[in-house]
């Protein structure tokens, strides 16, 4: 299994606090750990938009912990969710760098906000192991000779627990999405 697919198995420096009960966008619901910024970036679609976003983050030396992108209800616009581990006091620099890009319409820093946060895992496991995964909330997508494909979505803690459960089973293949974050209504 490629190591890059399993960041939850290598706890982040702030992970113990998040798992000990202080909620965060990185853990699903609530407040973010001090080192992680959660940014929701509304952009005009273009051929190089994602490259420019990644370049702005890279130039400042920040680590992207999670990334997802999808269309909005407005044609020609997409929303990018970034979880950025800044590791030092220049946390606002990422937001400021992104706001300078022509393609960027809006940058919302959701770090201190109450949010809904979901991730998705699609995994192929050996068929005899599926029953326990279904009890955890996984849904069967397909069954084939080499295994059964299941999907599971949840907040960061639920994903972390599901990944641990997967590690105990006969995993054939696995793919994990980045976070999708939305501010809660007040």
Protein backbone atom coordinates (compact mmCIF):
# COMPACT_ATOMS: atom_id res chain seq x y z
CA UNK A 1 0.00 0.00 0.00
CA UNK A 2 1.48 3.39 -0.91
CA UNK A 3 2.31 5.40 2.19
CA UNK A 4 0.77 8.58 0.72
CA UNK A 5 -2.71 7.07 0.95
CA UNK A 6 -2.48 6.59 4.70
CA UNK A 7 -1.70 9.94 6.36
CA UNK A 8 -3.97 9.05 9.26
CA UNK A 9 -1.62 6.21 10.26
CA UNK A 10 1.18 8.71 10.77
CA UNK A 11 -0.38 11.02 13.39
CA UNK A 12 0.04 14.71 12.78
CA UNK A 13 1.73 16.66 15.63
CA UNK A 14 -1.68 18.07 16.56
CA UNK A 15 -3.55 14.77 16.12
CA UNK A 16 -3.42 13.58 19.76
CA UNK A 17 -5.17 16.74 20.95
CA UNK A 18 -7.79 16.43 18.24
CA UNK A 19 -8.44 12.77 19.02
CA UNK A 20 -8.52 13.43 22.75
CA UNK A 21 -11.76 15.34 22.34
CA UNK A 22 -11.05 18.86 21.14
CA UNK A 23 -13.06 18.98 17.92
CA UNK A 24 -11.56 20.45 14.76
CA UNK A 25 -12.29 20.81 11.07
CA UNK A 26 -9.52 18.28 10.59
CA UNK A 27 -11.38 15.91 12.90
CA UNK A 28 -14.82 16.51 11.46
CA UNK A 29 -16.73 19.05 13.50
CA UNK A 30 -15.58 22.12 15.37
CA UNK A 31 -12.33 24.07 15.74
CA UNK A 32 -9.01 23.52 13.94
CA UNK A 33 -5.69 22.64 15.57
CA UNK A 34 -3.28 25.59 15.80
CA UNK A 35 -1.00 24.34 13.00
CA UNK A 36 -3.70 23.64 10.40
CA UNK A 37 -5.50 26.28 8.36
CA UNK A 38 -8.70 25.28 6.58
CA UNK A 39 -9.28 27.45 3.52
CA UNK A 40 -12.26 27.43 1.18
CA UNK A 41 -11.20 29.04 -2.10
CA UNK A 42 -13.74 30.04 -4.76
CA UNK A 43 -12.05 30.24 -8.17
CA UNK A 44 -12.79 30.94 -11.81
CA UNK A 45 -12.17 27.74 -13.78
CA UNK A 46 -9.13 27.81 -16.01
CA UNK A 47 -6.43 25.57 -17.44
CA UNK A 48 -3.77 26.59 -14.91
CA UNK A 49 -5.87 27.56 -11.89
CA UNK A 50 -4.94 24.57 -9.70
CA UNK A 51 -1.27 24.93 -10.68
CA UNK A 52 -1.30 28.59 -9.62
CA UNK A 53 -3.01 27.76 -6.31
CA UNK A 54 -0.48 25.00 -5.56
CA UNK A 55 2.39 27.29 -6.56
CA UNK A 56 1.22 30.05 -4.22
CA UNK A 57 1.14 27.59 -1.32
CA UNK A 58 4.45 25.96 -2.27
CA UNK A 59 6.31 29.27 -2.55
CA UNK A 60 5.52 29.99 1.10
CA UNK A 61 6.79 26.57 2.15
CA UNK A 62 3.48 25.28 3.52
CA UNK A 63 2.48 21.61 3.50
CA UNK A 64 -0.94 20.75 2.01
CA UNK A 65 -2.51 18.08 4.27
CA UNK A 66 -5.70 17.80 2.26
CA UNK A 67 -7.07 19.11 -1.02
CA UNK A 68 -10.36 18.70 -2.82
CA UNK A 69 -11.92 20.56 -5.71
CA UNK A 70 -15.36 20.49 -7.25
CA UNK A 71 -17.77 22.57 -9.30
CA UNK A 72 -20.13 25.06 -7.68
CA UNK A 73 -23.68 25.82 -8.72
CA UNK A 74 -22.32 28.80 -10.70
CA UNK A 75 -21.07 27.68 -14.11
CA UNK A 76 -17.36 28.33 -14.65
CA UNK A 77 -16.49 28.38 -10.93
CA UNK A 78 -15.11 25.74 -8.60
CA UNK A 79 -14.51 25.51 -4.87
CA UNK A 80 -11.16 24.28 -3.59
CA UNK A 81 -10.82 23.12 0.00
CA UNK A 82 -7.28 23.24 1.37
CA UNK A 83 -6.03 21.97 4.71
CA UNK A 84 -2.63 23.63 5.07
CA UNK A 85 -0.12 22.81 7.82
CA UNK A 86 1.71 26.09 8.29
CA UNK A 87 4.00 25.12 11.15
CA UNK A 88 4.94 28.71 12.01
CA UNK A 89 3.51 32.18 12.70
CA UNK A 90 2.95 33.20 9.05
CA UNK A 91 -0.42 31.45 8.83
CA UNK A 92 -2.21 34.35 7.11
CA UNK A 93 0.38 34.39 4.32
CA UNK A 94 -1.28 31.54 2.44
CA UNK A 95 -4.62 33.36 2.39
CA UNK A 96 -2.97 36.62 1.30
CA UNK A 97 -1.00 34.88 -1.46
CA UNK A 98 -4.14 33.20 -2.78
CA UNK A 99 -6.15 36.43 -2.74
CA UNK A 100 -3.59 37.99 -5.10
CA UNK A 101 -4.30 35.48 -7.86
CA UNK A 102 -6.58 36.74 -10.64
CA UNK A 103 -8.53 33.46 -10.76
CA UNK A 104 -9.41 33.63 -7.06
CA UNK A 105 -12.83 35.12 -6.37
CA UNK A 106 -12.91 34.57 -2.60
CA UNK A 107 -10.86 32.96 0.15
CA UNK A 108 -12.64 31.96 3.35
CA UNK A 109 -10.50 30.95 6.31
CA UNK A 110 -12.66 28.41 8.14
CA UNK A 111 -9.97 27.59 10.71
CA UNK A 112 -11.79 28.90 13.78
CA UNK A 113 -15.32 28.26 12.52
CA UNK A 114 -17.78 25.51 13.31
CA UNK A 115 -17.84 23.36 10.17
CA UNK A 116 -19.08 20.13 8.63
CA UNK A 117 -16.14 18.13 7.26
CA UNK A 118 -16.30 14.89 5.29
CA UNK A 119 -13.84 12.64 3.49
CA UNK A 120 -14.44 9.54 1.36
CA UNK A 121 -12.66 6.20 1.15
CA UNK A 122 -13.22 3.63 -1.58
CA UNK A 123 -11.53 0.31 -0.85
CA UNK A 124 -11.44 -3.15 -2.37
CA UNK A 125 -11.17 -5.85 0.29
CA UNK A 126 -11.24 -9.63 0.30
CA UNK A 127 -14.90 -10.63 0.22
CA UNK A 128 -15.01 -12.55 3.55
CA UNK A 129 -14.03 -9.33 5.40
CA UNK A 130 -16.93 -7.18 4.15
CA UNK A 131 -19.49 -7.91 6.90
CA UNK A 132 -17.46 -6.14 9.62
CA UNK A 133 -16.94 -3.10 7.38
CA UNK A 134 -20.67 -2.87 6.64
CA UNK A 135 -21.34 -2.88 10.38
CA UNK A 136 -19.08 0.22 10.58
CA UNK A 137 -21.22 1.98 7.94
CA UNK A 138 -19.50 1.07 4.67
CA UNK A 139 -21.64 0.58 1.56
CA UNK A 140 -20.97 -2.13 -1.02
CA UNK A 141 -20.32 -0.73 -4.51
CA UNK A 142 -19.51 -3.98 -6.32
CA UNK A 143 -18.47 -7.58 -5.78
CA UNK A 144 -15.98 -9.31 -8.07
CA UNK A 145 -13.76 -12.40 -7.95
CA UNK A 146 -10.75 -10.49 -6.57
CA UNK A 147 -12.75 -8.73 -3.84
CA UNK A 148 -15.60 -6.46 -2.83
CA UNK A 149 -15.42 -2.70 -3.30
CA UNK A 150 -16.87 -0.60 -0.47
CA UNK A 151 -17.21 3.11 0.17
CA UNK A 152 -17.20 4.94 3.47
CA UNK A 153 -17.56 8.63 4.24
CA UNK A 154 -17.24 10.47 7.51
CA UNK A 155 -15.41 13.10 9.50
CA UNK A 156 -11.66 12.83 10.08
CA UNK A 157 -12.01 10.73 13.26
CA UNK A 158 -14.41 8.29 11.58
CA UNK A 159 -12.07 8.03 8.59
CA UNK A 160 -9.11 7.46 10.94
CA UNK A 161 -10.98 4.62 12.69
CA UNK A 162 -12.12 3.12 9.36
CA UNK A 163 -8.53 3.16 8.04
CA UNK A 164 -7.42 1.30 11.17
CA UNK A 165 -10.19 -1.25 10.56
CA UNK A 166 -9.14 -1.61 6.90
CA UNK A 167 -5.56 -2.27 7.98
CA UNK A 168 -6.77 -5.39 9.82
CA UNK A 169 -8.41 -6.81 6.68
CA UNK A 170 -7.23 -8.11 3.34
CA UNK A 171 -6.99 -4.83 1.44
CA UNK A 172 -6.61 -5.25 -2.32
CA UNK A 173 -6.68 -1.52 -3.20
CA UNK A 174 -7.74 1.78 -1.60
CA UNK A 175 -8.30 5.42 -2.57
CA UNK A 176 -8.97 8.32 -0.20
CA UNK A 177 -10.36 11.76 -1.02
CA UNK A 178 -9.41 15.09 0.45
CA UNK A 179 -11.67 16.99 2.84
CA UNK A 180 -14.89 18.71 1.85
CA UNK A 181 -15.67 21.48 4.34
CA UNK A 182 -18.73 23.71 4.76
CA UNK A 183 -19.33 26.35 7.40
CA UNK A 184 -22.20 25.47 9.73
CA UNK A 185 -25.23 27.76 9.79
CA UNK A 186 -25.48 29.96 12.85
